[in-house]
């Protein structure tokens, strides 16, 4: 896969390496692409302070990208394990649902780095300098997934939220015939169907079925 120029072009690897010259392709196991090196950036989100910084990282891109999310590690031993990292040491870049939505919208590695990786690193730079997390914090695990879905759907009742996720995991035609869990008394097809259709179209029914299996 590493020699497949079509895949590299589709993923926008060259654009990423051209813009961030400290990164390079590194030999990796079959069916993965590893981009390693120093990620140097200047970032100033709206109404936030400007930060210029750099981190050593490994970005492991699965062959199923963008349907699967890359894993990222900070390799310079600068970010402590307790700062929003997964159990295996990968950086916790945010809600998997949000990241998958971003990848569905713009499926390039440059976009992934600039919209997911750099904001995480920017946040740590702020905290390291004595500040607080600039974008808020999401709980890890199932609670974080529920909180994020609640925000996306505008539904904050756990029972209703689970019902919505079950409809997202169902086929559109079948789901639209069911009563909308919001309590309106209408069928989903005449109520929250548009919002659910967008999510189902972007992420696929299997994604929401997996959330159910994880007791979302």
C-alpha atoms as a PDB file:
ATOM      1  CA  UNK A   1       0.000   0.000   0.000  1.00  0.00           C
ATOM      2  CA  UNK A   2       2.864   2.381   0.721  1.00  0.00           C
ATOM      3  CA  UNK A   3       3.808   2.294  -2.967  1.00  0.00           C
ATOM      4  CA  UNK A   4       0.280   2.856  -4.198  1.00  0.00           C
ATOM      5  CA  UNK A   5       0.518   6.380  -5.573  1.00  0.00           C
ATOM      6  CA  UNK A   6      -3.205   6.469  -6.283  1.00  0.00           C
ATOM      7  CA  UNK A   7      -4.013   5.928  -2.624  1.00  0.00           C
ATOM      8  CA  UNK A   8      -1.419   8.466  -1.492  1.00  0.00           C
ATOM      9  CA  UNK A   9      -2.862  11.041  -3.889  1.00  0.00           C
ATOM     10  CA  UNK A  10      -6.426  10.271  -2.801  1.00  0.00           C
ATOM     11  CA  UNK A  11      -5.504  10.756   0.827  1.00  0.00           C
ATOM     12  CA  UNK A  12      -3.648  14.008   0.106  1.00  0.00           C
ATOM     13  CA  UNK A  13      -0.363  12.772   1.560  1.00  0.00           C
ATOM     14  CA  UNK A  14       1.771  15.004  -0.651  1.00  0.00           C
ATOM     15  CA  UNK A  15      -0.172  18.117   0.386  1.00  0.00           C
ATOM     16  CA  UNK A  16       0.389  17.204   4.032  1.00  0.00           C
ATOM     17  CA  UNK A  17       4.128  16.621   3.611  1.00  0.00           C
ATOM     18  CA  UNK A  18       4.551  19.779   1.530  1.00  0.00           C
ATOM     19  CA  UNK A  19       2.897  21.947   4.170  1.00  0.00           C
ATOM     20  CA  UNK A  20       4.515  20.296   7.204  1.00  0.00           C
ATOM     21  CA  UNK A  21       8.089  19.700   6.082  1.00  0.00           C
ATOM     22  CA  UNK A  22       9.107  17.998   9.323  1.00  0.00           C
ATOM     23  CA  UNK A  23       6.892  15.014   8.546  1.00  0.00           C
ATOM     24  CA  UNK A  24       7.862  12.075   6.360  1.00  0.00           C
ATOM     25  CA  UNK A  25       6.617   8.641   5.343  1.00  0.00           C
ATOM     26  CA  UNK A  26       8.246   5.929   7.442  1.00  0.00           C
ATOM     27  CA  UNK A  27       8.400   2.192   6.664  1.00  0.00           C
ATOM     28  CA  UNK A  28       5.498   0.433   8.375  1.00  0.00           C
ATOM     29  CA  UNK A  29       3.761  -2.964   8.481  1.00  0.00           C
ATOM     30  CA  UNK A  30       1.701  -3.947   5.466  1.00  0.00           C
ATOM     31  CA  UNK A  31      -1.750  -2.369   5.117  1.00  0.00           C
ATOM     32  CA  UNK A  32      -0.786   0.716   7.104  1.00  0.00           C
ATOM     33  CA  UNK A  33       0.846   4.041   6.330  1.00  0.00           C
ATOM     34  CA  UNK A  34       2.981   5.691   8.991  1.00  0.00           C
ATOM     35  CA  UNK A  35       3.825   9.390   8.851  1.00  0.00           C
ATOM     36  CA  UNK A  36       6.415  10.434  11.419  1.00  0.00           C
ATOM     37  CA  UNK A  37       8.514  13.423  12.384  1.00  0.00           C
ATOM     38  CA  UNK A  38       8.161  16.881  13.823  1.00  0.00           C
ATOM     39  CA  UNK A  39       4.810  18.603  13.411  1.00  0.00           C
ATOM     40  CA  UNK A  40       5.516  22.331  13.682  1.00  0.00           C
ATOM     41  CA  UNK A  41       2.522  24.670  13.652  1.00  0.00           C
ATOM     42  CA  UNK A  42       1.182  28.099  14.454  1.00  0.00           C
ATOM     43  CA  UNK A  43      -2.452  28.119  15.521  1.00  0.00           C
ATOM     44  CA  UNK A  44      -4.834  30.805  16.675  1.00  0.00           C
ATOM     45  CA  UNK A  45      -8.440  29.595  16.938  1.00  0.00           C
ATOM     46  CA  UNK A  46     -11.133  32.265  16.974  1.00  0.00           C
ATOM     47  CA  UNK A  47     -10.939  34.396  20.113  1.00  0.00           C
ATOM     48  CA  UNK A  48      -7.975  32.343  21.403  1.00  0.00           C
ATOM     49  CA  UNK A  49      -4.294  33.165  21.869  1.00  0.00           C
ATOM     50  CA  UNK A  50      -1.768  32.390  19.153  1.00  0.00           C
ATOM     51  CA  UNK A  51       0.562  29.456  19.784  1.00  0.00           C
ATOM     52  CA  UNK A  52       3.663  28.455  17.817  1.00  0.00           C
ATOM     53  CA  UNK A  53       4.962  25.063  18.857  1.00  0.00           C
ATOM     54  CA  UNK A  54       6.123  21.681  17.624  1.00  0.00           C
ATOM     55  CA  UNK A  55       5.735  18.044  18.654  1.00  0.00           C
ATOM     56  CA  UNK A  56       7.263  14.767  17.529  1.00  0.00           C
ATOM     57  CA  UNK A  57       4.486  12.444  16.366  1.00  0.00           C
ATOM     58  CA  UNK A  58       3.673   9.162  14.665  1.00  0.00           C
ATOM     59  CA  UNK A  59       0.479   9.059  12.612  1.00  0.00           C
ATOM     60  CA  UNK A  60      -0.648   5.532  11.708  1.00  0.00           C
ATOM     61  CA  UNK A  61      -3.164   5.532   8.865  1.00  0.00           C
ATOM     62  CA  UNK A  62      -5.223   2.325   8.418  1.00  0.00           C
ATOM     63  CA  UNK A  63      -5.859   0.979   4.940  1.00  0.00           C
ATOM     64  CA  UNK A  64      -9.598   1.614   5.437  1.00  0.00           C
ATOM     65  CA  UNK A  65      -9.049   5.370   5.902  1.00  0.00           C
ATOM     66  CA  UNK A  66     -11.157   7.554   5.896  1.00  0.00           C
ATOM     67  CA  UNK A  67     -13.756   5.059   7.161  1.00  0.00           C
ATOM     68  CA  UNK A  68     -11.362   4.233   9.996  1.00  0.00           C
ATOM     69  CA  UNK A  69      -9.650   6.867  12.128  1.00  0.00           C
ATOM     70  CA  UNK A  70      -5.838   7.184  12.160  1.00  0.00           C
ATOM     71  CA  UNK A  71      -4.089   6.693  15.487  1.00  0.00           C
ATOM     72  CA  UNK A  72      -1.613   9.320  16.660  1.00  0.00           C
ATOM     73  CA  UNK A  73       1.171   9.146  19.241  1.00  0.00           C
ATOM     74  CA  UNK A  74       3.406  11.865  20.633  1.00  0.00           C
ATOM     75  CA  UNK A  75       6.902  10.386  20.533  1.00  0.00           C
ATOM     76  CA  UNK A  76       8.908  13.066  22.328  1.00  0.00           C
ATOM     77  CA  UNK A  77       7.737  12.084  25.848  1.00  0.00           C
ATOM     78  CA  UNK A  78       6.452  15.599  26.391  1.00  0.00           C
ATOM     79  CA  UNK A  79       2.734  14.942  26.921  1.00  0.00           C
ATOM     80  CA  UNK A  80       2.064  12.978  30.146  1.00  0.00           C
ATOM     81  CA  UNK A  81      -0.002   9.808  29.980  1.00  0.00           C
ATOM     82  CA  UNK A  82      -2.782  11.294  32.111  1.00  0.00           C
ATOM     83  CA  UNK A  83      -3.439  14.083  29.596  1.00  0.00           C
ATOM     84  CA  UNK A  84      -6.241  12.764  27.383  1.00  0.00           C
ATOM     85  CA  UNK A  85      -4.590   9.625  26.126  1.00  0.00           C
ATOM     86  CA  UNK A  86      -6.187   6.273  25.397  1.00  0.00           C
ATOM     87  CA  UNK A  87      -5.196   3.177  27.333  1.00  0.00           C
ATOM     88  CA  UNK A  88      -2.731   2.158  24.619  1.00  0.00           C
ATOM     89  CA  UNK A  89      -1.008   5.560  24.721  1.00  0.00           C
ATOM     90  CA  UNK A  90      -2.591   7.016  21.569  1.00  0.00           C
ATOM     91  CA  UNK A  91      -3.747  10.620  21.767  1.00  0.00           C
ATOM     92  CA  UNK A  92      -7.460  10.999  22.493  1.00  0.00           C
ATOM     93  CA  UNK A  93      -8.253  13.476  19.752  1.00  0.00           C
ATOM     94  CA  UNK A  94     -11.940  13.815  20.572  1.00  0.00           C
ATOM     95  CA  UNK A  95     -15.211  12.050  19.978  1.00  0.00           C
ATOM     96  CA  UNK A  96     -14.892   9.291  17.343  1.00  0.00           C
ATOM     97  CA  UNK A  97     -18.290  10.351  16.013  1.00  0.00           C
ATOM     98  CA  UNK A  98     -17.142  13.941  15.452  1.00  0.00           C
ATOM     99  CA  UNK A  99     -13.880  12.819  13.864  1.00  0.00           C
ATOM    100  CA  UNK A 100     -15.705  10.476  11.487  1.00  0.00           C
ATOM    101  CA  UNK A 101     -18.064  13.306  10.524  1.00  0.00           C
ATOM    102  CA  UNK A 102     -15.068  15.540   9.780  1.00  0.00           C
ATOM    103  CA  UNK A 103     -13.482  12.795   7.677  1.00  0.00           C
ATOM    104  CA  UNK A 104     -16.717  12.279   5.768  1.00  0.00           C
ATOM    105  CA  UNK A 105     -16.817  16.018   5.061  1.00  0.00           C
ATOM    106  CA  UNK A 106     -13.139  16.371   4.034  1.00  0.00           C
ATOM    107  CA  UNK A 107     -11.378  13.002   3.681  1.00  0.00           C
ATOM    108  CA  UNK A 108      -7.789  14.219   3.433  1.00  0.00           C
ATOM    109  CA  UNK A 109      -4.939  13.649   5.875  1.00  0.00           C
ATOM    110  CA  UNK A 110      -4.109  17.344   5.799  1.00  0.00           C
ATOM    111  CA  UNK A 111      -7.613  18.085   7.051  1.00  0.00           C
ATOM    112  CA  UNK A 112      -7.330  15.387   9.723  1.00  0.00           C
ATOM    113  CA  UNK A 113      -4.052  16.831  10.999  1.00  0.00           C
ATOM    114  CA  UNK A 114      -5.271  20.436  10.994  1.00  0.00           C
ATOM    115  CA  UNK A 115      -8.747  19.780  12.411  1.00  0.00           C
ATOM    116  CA  UNK A 116      -7.997  16.988  14.874  1.00  0.00           C
ATOM    117  CA  UNK A 117      -4.298  16.635  15.689  1.00  0.00           C
ATOM    118  CA  UNK A 118      -3.177  20.265  15.872  1.00  0.00           C
ATOM    119  CA  UNK A 119      -6.152  21.357  18.058  1.00  0.00           C
ATOM    120  CA  UNK A 120      -5.194  18.617  20.541  1.00  0.00           C
ATOM    121  CA  UNK A 121      -1.554  19.729  20.554  1.00  0.00           C
ATOM    122  CA  UNK A 122      -2.600  23.379  20.777  1.00  0.00           C
ATOM    123  CA  UNK A 123      -4.708  22.509  23.811  1.00  0.00           C
ATOM    124  CA  UNK A 124      -1.807  20.817  25.556  1.00  0.00           C
ATOM    125  CA  UNK A 125       0.483  23.776  24.816  1.00  0.00           C
ATOM    126  CA  UNK A 126      -2.053  26.036  26.523  1.00  0.00           C
ATOM    127  CA  UNK A 127      -2.341  23.743  29.552  1.00  0.00           C
ATOM    128  CA  UNK A 128       1.434  23.311  29.766  1.00  0.00           C
ATOM    129  CA  UNK A 129       1.753  27.107  29.917  1.00  0.00           C
ATOM    130  CA  UNK A 130      -0.627  27.224  32.885  1.00  0.00           C
ATOM    131  CA  UNK A 131      -3.915  27.749  31.073  1.00  0.00           C
ATOM    132  CA  UNK A 132      -7.071  25.655  30.875  1.00  0.00           C
ATOM    133  CA  UNK A 133      -8.350  23.477  28.039  1.00  0.00           C
ATOM    134  CA  UNK A 134      -9.429  25.964  25.360  1.00  0.00           C
ATOM    135  CA  UNK A 135     -12.151  23.822  23.783  1.00  0.00           C
ATOM    136  CA  UNK A 136     -13.647  22.142  26.841  1.00  0.00           C
ATOM    137  CA  UNK A 137     -13.250  18.493  27.791  1.00  0.00           C
ATOM    138  CA  UNK A 138     -15.258  15.407  26.869  1.00  0.00           C
ATOM    139  CA  UNK A 139     -15.407  12.386  29.172  1.00  0.00           C
ATOM    140  CA  UNK A 140     -13.705   9.223  27.955  1.00  0.00           C
ATOM    141  CA  UNK A 141     -15.517   5.994  27.144  1.00  0.00           C
ATOM    142  CA  UNK A 142     -19.241   5.467  26.868  1.00  0.00           C
ATOM    143  CA  UNK A 143     -20.171   8.603  28.791  1.00  0.00           C
ATOM    144  CA  UNK A 144     -18.229  10.788  26.370  1.00  0.00           C
ATOM    145  CA  UNK A 145     -19.895   9.101  23.382  1.00  0.00           C
ATOM    146  CA  UNK A 146     -23.331   9.662  24.923  1.00  0.00           C
ATOM    147  CA  UNK A 147     -22.611  13.286  25.744  1.00  0.00           C
ATOM    148  CA  UNK A 148     -21.407  13.966  22.211  1.00  0.00           C
ATOM    149  CA  UNK A 149     -24.389  12.244  20.569  1.00  0.00           C
ATOM    150  CA  UNK A 150     -26.697  14.180  22.872  1.00  0.00           C
ATOM    151  CA  UNK A 151     -25.098  17.411  21.663  1.00  0.00           C
ATOM    152  CA  UNK A 152     -25.359  16.385  17.999  1.00  0.00           C
ATOM    153  CA  UNK A 153     -29.011  15.393  18.301  1.00  0.00           C
ATOM    154  CA  UNK A 154     -30.102  17.968  20.853  1.00  0.00           C
ATOM    155  CA  UNK A 155     -31.475  15.108  22.991  1.00  0.00           C
ATOM    156  CA  UNK A 156     -30.316  14.927  26.608  1.00  0.00           C
ATOM    157  CA  UNK A 157     -32.585  12.205  28.007  1.00  0.00           C
ATOM    158  CA  UNK A 158     -30.640   8.912  28.116  1.00  0.00           C
ATOM    159  CA  UNK A 159     -33.604   6.690  27.246  1.00  0.00           C
ATOM    160  CA  UNK A 160     -34.588   8.838  24.279  1.00  0.00           C
ATOM    161  CA  UNK A 161     -30.966   9.028  23.167  1.00  0.00           C
ATOM    162  CA  UNK A 162     -30.611   5.244  23.101  1.00  0.00           C
ATOM    163  CA  UNK A 163     -33.858   5.017  21.127  1.00  0.00           C
ATOM    164  CA  UNK A 164     -32.494   7.479  18.563  1.00  0.00           C
ATOM    165  CA  UNK A 165     -29.264   5.485  18.234  1.00  0.00           C
ATOM    166  CA  UNK A 166     -31.285   2.326  17.570  1.00  0.00           C
ATOM    167  CA  UNK A 167     -33.131   4.131  14.776  1.00  0.00           C
ATOM    168  CA  UNK A 168     -29.813   5.337  13.358  1.00  0.00           C
ATOM    169  CA  UNK A 169     -28.692   1.714  13.242  1.00  0.00           C
ATOM    170  CA  UNK A 170     -31.850   0.713  11.336  1.00  0.00           C
ATOM    171  CA  UNK A 171     -32.559   1.055   7.635  1.00  0.00           C
ATOM    172  CA  UNK A 172     -33.936   4.459   6.714  1.00  0.00           C
ATOM    173  CA  UNK A 173     -37.252   3.114   5.410  1.00  0.00           C
ATOM    174  CA  UNK A 174     -37.906   1.077   8.546  1.00  0.00           C
ATOM    175  CA  UNK A 175     -36.747   3.820  10.918  1.00  0.00           C
ATOM    176  CA  UNK A 176     -38.991   6.469   9.361  1.00  0.00           C
ATOM    177  CA  UNK A 177     -42.094   4.374  10.103  1.00  0.00           C
ATOM    178  CA  UNK A 178     -41.370   4.289  13.840  1.00  0.00           C
ATOM    179  CA  UNK A 179     -42.589   6.813  16.389  1.00  0.00           C
ATOM    180  CA  UNK A 180     -40.039   9.551  16.947  1.00  0.00           C
ATOM    181  CA  UNK A 181     -38.390   9.071  20.362  1.00  0.00           C
ATOM    182  CA  UNK A 182     -38.588  12.804  21.050  1.00  0.00           C
ATOM    183  CA  UNK A 183     -42.180  12.365  22.253  1.00  0.00           C
ATOM    184  CA  UNK A 184     -43.906  14.417  19.575  1.00  0.00           C
ATOM    185  CA  UNK A 185     -46.232  11.548  18.706  1.00  0.00           C
ATOM    186  CA  UNK A 186     -45.224  11.770  15.056  1.00  0.00           C
ATOM    187  CA  UNK A 187     -43.482   9.155  12.987  1.00  0.00           C
ATOM    188  CA  UNK A 188     -39.760   9.735  12.660  1.00  0.00           C
ATOM    189  CA  UNK A 189     -40.255  10.391   8.937  1.00  0.00           C
ATOM    190  CA  UNK A 190     -42.271  13.504   9.830  1.00  0.00           C
ATOM    191  CA  UNK A 191     -40.130  14.658  12.740  1.00  0.00           C
ATOM    192  CA  UNK A 192     -36.359  14.218  13.354  1.00  0.00           C
ATOM    193  CA  UNK A 193     -35.719  12.224  10.182  1.00  0.00           C
ATOM    194  CA  UNK A 194     -33.582  14.825   8.411  1.00  0.00           C
ATOM    195  CA  UNK A 195     -31.088  15.117  11.231  1.00  0.00           C
ATOM    196  CA  UNK A 196     -30.836  11.344  11.543  1.00  0.00           C
ATOM    197  CA  UNK A 197     -30.574  10.841   7.784  1.00  0.00           C
ATOM    198  CA  UNK A 198     -27.506  13.096   7.626  1.00  0.00           C
ATOM    199  CA  UNK A 199     -25.758  11.188  10.409  1.00  0.00           C
ATOM    200  CA  UNK A 200     -26.704   7.782   8.997  1.00  0.00           C
ATOM    201  CA  UNK A 201     -25.548   8.797   5.519  1.00  0.00           C
ATOM    202  CA  UNK A 202     -22.188  10.117   6.764  1.00  0.00           C
ATOM    203  CA  UNK A 203     -21.344   7.399   9.265  1.00  0.00           C
ATOM    204  CA  UNK A 204     -23.324   4.351   8.168  1.00  0.00           C
ATOM    205  CA  UNK A 205     -25.684   2.116  10.138  1.00  0.00           C
ATOM    206  CA  UNK A 206     -22.862  -0.137  11.334  1.00  0.00           C
ATOM    207  CA  UNK A 207     -21.262   2.694  13.275  1.00  0.00           C
ATOM    208  CA  UNK A 208     -24.405   3.234  15.323  1.00  0.00           C
ATOM    209  CA  UNK A 209     -24.946  -0.518  15.696  1.00  0.00           C
ATOM    210  CA  UNK A 210     -21.460  -0.678  17.209  1.00  0.00           C
ATOM    211  CA  UNK A 211     -22.426   2.014  19.710  1.00  0.00           C
ATOM    212  CA  UNK A 212     -25.425  -0.069  20.756  1.00  0.00           C
ATOM    213  CA  UNK A 213     -23.221  -3.136  21.209  1.00  0.00           C
ATOM    214  CA  UNK A 214     -20.996  -0.993  23.460  1.00  0.00           C
ATOM    215  CA  UNK A 215     -24.053  -0.139  25.562  1.00  0.00           C
ATOM    216  CA  UNK A 216     -24.452   3.398  24.291  1.00  0.00           C
END
